[in-house]
Amino acid sequence: MKIAFVVAVIERDMAEKVARIVMPHELPILELVHDKPISVDEKGTHNVAPQEVEPAEEYERLIRQYGEDPQSALPYVERVFGRLGEFARVLEDLAIDAKPGRGKKAAAPAITEEE
């Protein structure tokens, strides 16, 4: 499946904003990592081609990219999306080459708090 990119704008403080090109499913992970909402620059990715993504490989990439939440000792991707099967369903919803009735939905489910 192909996933389009977005430009995430991370506001580190009042004077510093950092833009990163990411896939939309990374936005809620960035919000959890940075503990603040992440904005999206809608006009920044018109020259970036969508990328072919395989769910298991992407899940592992996100574990390597973002690591573990120090409070729960769970990978951030698991905190946000749960296990691989749930993550794969999110990717299906985001795919630009999705089957009719699927695709191009919002980025992620709500983050669940650990008890």
N, C-alpha and C. Protein backbone atom coordinates (compact mmCIF):
# COMPACT_ATOMS: atom_id res chain seq x y z
N MET A 1 0.84 -1.19 0.00
CA MET A 1 0.00 0.00 0.00
C MET A 1 0.88 1.24 0.00
N LYS A 2 0.37 2.31 -0.60
CA LYS A 2 1.13 3.56 -0.67
C LYS A 2 0.57 4.56 0.33
N ILE A 3 1.49 5.20 1.03
CA ILE A 3 1.14 6.22 2.01
C ILE A 3 1.78 7.54 1.59
N ALA A 4 0.99 8.60 1.59
CA ALA A 4 1.50 9.94 1.26
C ALA A 4 2.20 10.53 2.48
N PHE A 5 2.97 11.56 2.25
CA PHE A 5 3.69 12.24 3.32
C PHE A 5 3.01 13.54 3.70
N VAL A 6 3.31 14.01 4.91
CA VAL A 6 2.88 15.32 5.39
C VAL A 6 4.09 16.01 6.01
N VAL A 7 3.99 17.32 6.19
CA VAL A 7 5.04 18.06 6.90
C VAL A 7 4.54 18.33 8.32
N ALA A 8 5.21 17.70 9.28
CA ALA A 8 4.89 17.91 10.69
C ALA A 8 5.72 19.09 11.19
N VAL A 9 5.06 20.02 11.86
CA VAL A 9 5.76 21.18 12.42
C VAL A 9 5.77 20.99 13.93
N ILE A 10 6.98 20.80 14.46
CA ILE A 10 7.18 20.56 15.89
C ILE A 10 7.66 21.85 16.52
N GLU A 11 6.89 22.36 17.45
CA GLU A 11 7.26 23.60 18.15
C GLU A 11 7.99 23.22 19.43
N ARG A 12 9.31 23.38 19.41
CA ARG A 12 10.10 22.99 20.59
C ARG A 12 9.98 24.02 21.70
N ASP A 13 9.96 25.28 21.33
CA ASP A 13 9.70 26.38 22.27
C ASP A 13 9.20 27.54 21.43
N MET A 14 8.98 28.70 22.06
CA MET A 14 8.40 29.82 21.33
C MET A 14 9.27 30.30 20.18
N ALA A 15 10.58 30.07 20.26
CA ALA A 15 11.49 30.57 19.23
C ALA A 15 11.92 29.52 18.22
N GLU A 16 11.63 28.27 18.48
CA GLU A 16 12.13 27.22 17.58
C GLU A 16 11.02 26.29 17.12
N LYS A 17 10.88 26.22 15.79
CA LYS A 17 9.96 25.28 15.15
C LYS A 17 10.78 24.44 14.18
N VAL A 18 10.52 23.15 14.18
CA VAL A 18 11.23 22.22 13.31
C VAL A 18 10.20 21.53 12.42
N ALA A 19 10.48 21.49 11.12
CA ALA A 19 9.60 20.80 10.18
C ALA A 19 10.23 19.47 9.80
N ARG A 20 9.40 18.42 9.81
CA ARG A 20 9.85 17.09 9.40
C ARG A 20 8.85 16.50 8.42
N ILE A 21 9.36 15.88 7.38
CA ILE A 21 8.48 15.17 6.45
C ILE A 21 8.28 13.76 7.00
N VAL A 22 7.03 13.44 7.30
CA VAL A 22 6.68 12.15 7.90
C VAL A 22 5.42 11.61 7.24
N MET A 23 5.10 10.38 7.53
CA MET A 23 3.82 9.83 7.11
C MET A 23 2.78 10.16 8.17
N PRO A 24 1.52 10.30 7.80
CA PRO A 24 0.51 10.78 8.75
C PRO A 24 0.36 9.92 10.00
N HIS A 25 0.65 8.64 9.91
CA HIS A 25 0.52 7.80 11.10
C HIS A 25 1.61 8.08 12.14
N GLU A 26 2.63 8.85 11.76
CA GLU A 26 3.67 9.23 12.71
C GLU A 26 3.26 10.42 13.58
N LEU A 27 2.24 11.17 13.17
CA LEU A 27 1.85 12.37 13.92
C LEU A 27 1.48 12.08 15.36
N PRO A 28 0.62 11.09 15.65
CA PRO A 28 0.30 10.85 17.06
C PRO A 28 1.49 10.34 17.87
N ILE A 29 2.43 9.67 17.22
CA ILE A 29 3.64 9.25 17.94
C ILE A 29 4.47 10.48 18.30
N LEU A 30 4.61 11.40 17.34
CA LEU A 30 5.34 12.64 17.63
C LEU A 30 4.67 13.43 18.76
N GLU A 31 3.35 13.45 18.76
CA GLU A 31 2.64 14.15 19.83
C GLU A 31 2.92 13.52 21.19
N LEU A 32 2.98 12.21 21.24
CA LEU A 32 3.28 11.53 22.50
C LEU A 32 4.73 11.77 22.91
N VAL A 33 5.66 11.67 21.97
CA VAL A 33 7.08 11.89 22.26
C VAL A 33 7.33 13.31 22.76
N HIS A 34 6.72 14.29 22.09
CA HIS A 34 6.98 15.70 22.43
C HIS A 34 5.99 16.25 23.46
N ASP A 35 4.99 15.47 23.80
CA ASP A 35 3.99 15.85 24.80
C ASP A 35 3.29 17.17 24.46
N LYS A 36 3.00 17.34 23.16
CA LYS A 36 2.25 18.52 22.72
C LYS A 36 1.70 18.26 21.33
N PRO A 37 0.65 18.99 20.97
CA PRO A 37 0.08 18.82 19.62
C PRO A 37 1.10 19.18 18.53
N ILE A 38 1.02 18.47 17.44
CA ILE A 38 1.88 18.71 16.29
C ILE A 38 1.00 19.26 15.17
N SER A 39 1.43 20.36 14.57
CA SER A 39 0.66 20.91 13.46
C SER A 39 1.19 20.37 12.14
N VAL A 40 0.37 20.51 11.10
CA VAL A 40 0.72 20.00 9.78
C VAL A 40 0.70 21.16 8.80
N ASP A 41 1.78 21.28 8.02
CA ASP A 41 1.86 22.28 6.96
C ASP A 41 1.31 21.61 5.71
N GLU A 42 0.11 21.99 5.32
CA GLU A 42 -0.61 21.34 4.22
C GLU A 42 0.04 21.53 2.85
N LYS A 43 0.86 22.55 2.68
CA LYS A 43 1.40 22.83 1.34
C LYS A 43 2.82 22.36 1.13
N GLY A 44 3.38 21.60 2.06
CA GLY A 44 4.80 21.30 1.99
C GLY A 44 5.22 20.01 1.31
N THR A 45 4.33 19.13 0.89
CA THR A 45 4.78 17.83 0.40
C THR A 45 4.42 17.55 -1.05
N HIS A 46 4.08 18.53 -1.81
CA HIS A 46 3.65 18.27 -3.19
C HIS A 46 4.74 17.66 -4.06
N ASN A 47 6.01 17.78 -3.69
CA ASN A 47 7.10 17.20 -4.48
C ASN A 47 7.61 15.88 -3.93
N VAL A 48 6.97 15.35 -2.91
CA VAL A 48 7.41 14.10 -2.30
C VAL A 48 6.45 12.98 -2.72
N ALA A 49 6.99 11.98 -3.37
CA ALA A 49 6.16 10.87 -3.85
C ALA A 49 5.72 9.98 -2.69
N PRO A 50 4.49 9.46 -2.74
CA PRO A 50 4.05 8.50 -1.73
C PRO A 50 5.00 7.30 -1.70
N GLN A 51 5.04 6.65 -0.56
CA GLN A 51 5.95 5.52 -0.38
C GLN A 51 5.18 4.23 -0.19
N GLU A 52 5.67 3.17 -0.80
CA GLU A 52 5.10 1.84 -0.60
C GLU A 52 5.48 1.37 0.81
N VAL A 53 4.49 0.92 1.57
CA VAL A 53 4.71 0.54 2.96
C VAL A 53 4.14 -0.85 3.20
N GLU A 54 4.92 -1.67 3.87
CA GLU A 54 4.46 -2.99 4.33
C GLU A 54 4.29 -2.87 5.84
N PRO A 55 3.12 -3.20 6.40
CA PRO A 55 2.84 -2.93 7.81
C PRO A 55 3.88 -3.45 8.80
N ALA A 56 4.32 -4.68 8.69
CA ALA A 56 5.27 -5.22 9.66
C ALA A 56 6.61 -4.48 9.61
N GLU A 57 7.09 -4.19 8.39
CA GLU A 57 8.34 -3.45 8.25
C GLU A 57 8.22 -2.03 8.80
N GLU A 58 7.09 -1.39 8.54
CA GLU A 58 6.87 -0.03 9.03
C GLU A 58 6.76 0.00 10.55
N TYR A 59 6.10 -0.98 11.12
CA TYR A 59 5.97 -1.08 12.58
C TYR A 59 7.37 -1.19 13.21
N GLU A 60 8.21 -2.04 12.64
CA GLU A 60 9.58 -2.20 13.15
C GLU A 60 10.39 -0.92 12.95
N ARG A 61 10.21 -0.25 11.82
CA ARG A 61 10.92 1.02 11.59
C ARG A 61 10.56 2.05 12.64
N LEU A 62 9.27 2.11 12.97
CA LEU A 62 8.82 3.08 13.97
C LEU A 62 9.37 2.75 15.36
N ILE A 63 9.50 1.47 15.66
CA ILE A 63 10.11 1.08 16.94
C ILE A 63 11.56 1.57 16.98
N ARG A 64 12.29 1.36 15.90
CA ARG A 64 13.68 1.81 15.84
C ARG A 64 13.78 3.34 15.85
N GLN A 65 12.88 4.00 15.12
CA GLN A 65 12.92 5.46 14.98
C GLN A 65 12.59 6.18 16.29
N TYR A 66 11.54 5.74 16.98
CA TYR A 66 11.06 6.49 18.13
C TYR A 66 11.35 5.83 19.48
N GLY A 67 11.72 4.56 19.48
CA GLY A 67 12.11 3.91 20.72
C GLY A 67 10.95 3.63 21.65
N GLU A 68 11.28 3.53 22.94
CA GLU A 68 10.30 3.18 23.97
C GLU A 68 9.93 4.39 24.82
N ASP A 69 8.70 4.35 25.30
CA ASP A 69 8.23 5.32 26.28
C ASP A 69 8.87 4.96 27.62
N PRO A 70 9.63 5.85 28.23
CA PRO A 70 10.32 5.51 29.47
C PRO A 70 9.37 5.19 30.63
N GLN A 71 8.17 5.74 30.61
CA GLN A 71 7.23 5.48 31.70
C GLN A 71 6.61 4.10 31.63
N SER A 72 6.26 3.64 30.42
CA SER A 72 5.58 2.35 30.29
C SER A 72 6.50 1.23 29.81
N ALA A 73 7.68 1.57 29.30
CA ALA A 73 8.62 0.63 28.72
C ALA A 73 8.05 -0.06 27.47
N LEU A 74 7.01 0.51 26.89
CA LEU A 74 6.45 0.01 25.63
C LEU A 74 6.95 0.89 24.50
N PRO A 75 7.13 0.33 23.33
CA PRO A 75 7.47 1.18 22.18
C PRO A 75 6.36 2.22 21.98
N TYR A 76 6.76 3.43 21.58
CA TYR A 76 5.76 4.48 21.35
C TYR A 76 4.71 4.04 20.34
N VAL A 77 5.14 3.32 19.29
CA VAL A 77 4.17 2.87 18.29
C VAL A 77 3.13 1.95 18.91
N GLU A 78 3.52 1.12 19.85
CA GLU A 78 2.55 0.23 20.51
C GLU A 78 1.65 1.01 21.45
N ARG A 79 2.19 2.01 22.13
CA ARG A 79 1.35 2.86 22.99
C ARG A 79 0.25 3.54 22.19
N VAL A 80 0.58 3.98 20.98
CA VAL A 80 -0.39 4.72 20.17
C VAL A 80 -1.34 3.78 19.43
N PHE A 81 -0.82 2.75 18.80
CA PHE A 81 -1.63 1.92 17.90
C PHE A 81 -1.95 0.52 18.41
N GLY A 82 -1.33 0.12 19.49
CA GLY A 82 -1.50 -1.26 19.92
C GLY A 82 -0.59 -2.18 19.12
N ARG A 83 -1.00 -3.40 18.98
CA ARG A 83 -0.19 -4.41 18.29
C ARG A 83 -0.23 -4.24 16.77
N LEU A 84 0.54 -5.06 16.09
CA LEU A 84 0.71 -4.96 14.64
C LEU A 84 -0.60 -5.02 13.87
N GLY A 85 -1.53 -5.89 14.26
CA GLY A 85 -2.79 -6.01 13.52
C GLY A 85 -3.59 -4.72 13.52
N GLU A 86 -3.63 -4.05 14.66
CA GLU A 86 -4.35 -2.77 14.75
C GLU A 86 -3.63 -1.71 13.93
N PHE A 87 -2.30 -1.73 13.97
CA PHE A 87 -1.51 -0.79 13.19
C PHE A 87 -1.75 -0.99 11.70
N ALA A 88 -1.81 -2.24 11.27
CA ALA A 88 -2.04 -2.54 9.85
C ALA A 88 -3.38 -1.99 9.38
N ARG A 89 -4.40 -2.05 10.24
CA ARG A 89 -5.71 -1.49 9.87
C ARG A 89 -5.63 0.03 9.71
N VAL A 90 -4.86 0.69 10.56
CA VAL A 90 -4.68 2.14 10.42
C VAL A 90 -4.01 2.46 9.09
N LEU A 91 -2.98 1.70 8.74
CA LEU A 91 -2.31 1.95 7.46
C LEU A 91 -3.26 1.73 6.29
N GLU A 92 -4.10 0.72 6.36
CA GLU A 92 -5.08 0.49 5.30
C GLU A 92 -5.99 1.71 5.12
N ASP A 93 -6.38 2.31 6.24
CA ASP A 93 -7.25 3.48 6.18
C ASP A 93 -6.54 4.70 5.59
N LEU A 94 -5.21 4.77 5.78
CA LEU A 94 -4.44 5.91 5.27
C LEU A 94 -3.95 5.73 3.84
N ALA A 95 -4.01 4.53 3.34
CA ALA A 95 -3.44 4.23 2.02
C ALA A 95 -4.13 5.04 0.93
N ILE A 96 -3.33 5.61 0.04
CA ILE A 96 -3.90 6.37 -1.07
C ILE A 96 -4.36 5.46 -2.19
N ASP A 97 -3.92 4.20 -2.15
CA ASP A 97 -4.34 3.23 -3.15
C ASP A 97 -5.29 2.20 -2.53
N ALA A 98 -6.07 2.66 -1.56
CA ALA A 98 -6.97 1.77 -0.83
C ALA A 98 -8.13 1.31 -1.72
N LYS A 99 -8.75 0.23 -1.30
CA LYS A 99 -9.93 -0.27 -1.99
C LYS A 99 -11.07 0.73 -1.80
N PRO A 100 -12.07 0.71 -2.68
CA PRO A 100 -13.20 1.63 -2.53
C PRO A 100 -13.81 1.52 -1.14
N GLY A 101 -14.12 2.68 -0.58
CA GLY A 101 -14.70 2.71 0.76
C GLY A 101 -13.66 2.75 1.87
N ARG A 102 -12.38 2.72 1.50
CA ARG A 102 -11.31 2.77 2.49
C ARG A 102 -10.31 3.83 2.04
N GLY A 103 -9.49 4.26 2.95
CA GLY A 103 -8.39 5.15 2.60
C GLY A 103 -8.64 6.60 2.94
N LYS A 104 -7.53 7.30 3.11
CA LYS A 104 -7.50 8.75 3.35
C LYS A 104 -8.33 9.18 4.55
N LYS A 105 -8.18 8.46 5.65
CA LYS A 105 -8.87 8.83 6.89
C LYS A 105 -7.89 9.52 7.82
N ALA A 106 -8.37 9.87 9.00
CA ALA A 106 -7.54 10.51 10.02
C ALA A 106 -6.41 9.58 10.44
N ALA A 107 -5.38 10.15 11.03
CA ALA A 107 -4.14 9.44 11.28
C ALA A 107 -4.19 8.35 12.33
N ALA A 108 -4.90 8.50 13.43
CA ALA A 108 -4.70 7.51 14.48
C ALA A 108 -5.83 7.45 15.48
N PRO A 109 -5.90 6.34 16.17
CA PRO A 109 -6.84 6.23 17.27
C PRO A 109 -6.33 7.01 18.47
N ALA A 110 -7.16 7.15 19.47
CA ALA A 110 -6.75 7.85 20.68
C ALA A 110 -5.71 7.04 21.43
N ILE A 111 -4.80 7.71 22.10
CA ILE A 111 -3.77 7.06 22.90
C ILE A 111 -4.43 6.60 24.19
N THR A 112 -4.19 5.36 24.54
CA THR A 112 -4.75 4.83 25.79
C THR A 112 -3.74 5.00 26.90
N GLU A 113 -4.20 5.38 28.05
CA GLU A 113 -3.34 5.53 29.21
C GLU A 113 -3.13 4.19 29.88
N GLU A 114 -1.91 3.93 30.28
CA GLU A 114 -1.61 2.69 30.99
C GLU A 114 -2.08 2.81 32.42
N GLU A 115 -2.62 1.73 32.95
CA GLU A 115 -3.11 1.72 34.33
C GLU A 115 -1.95 1.55 35.29
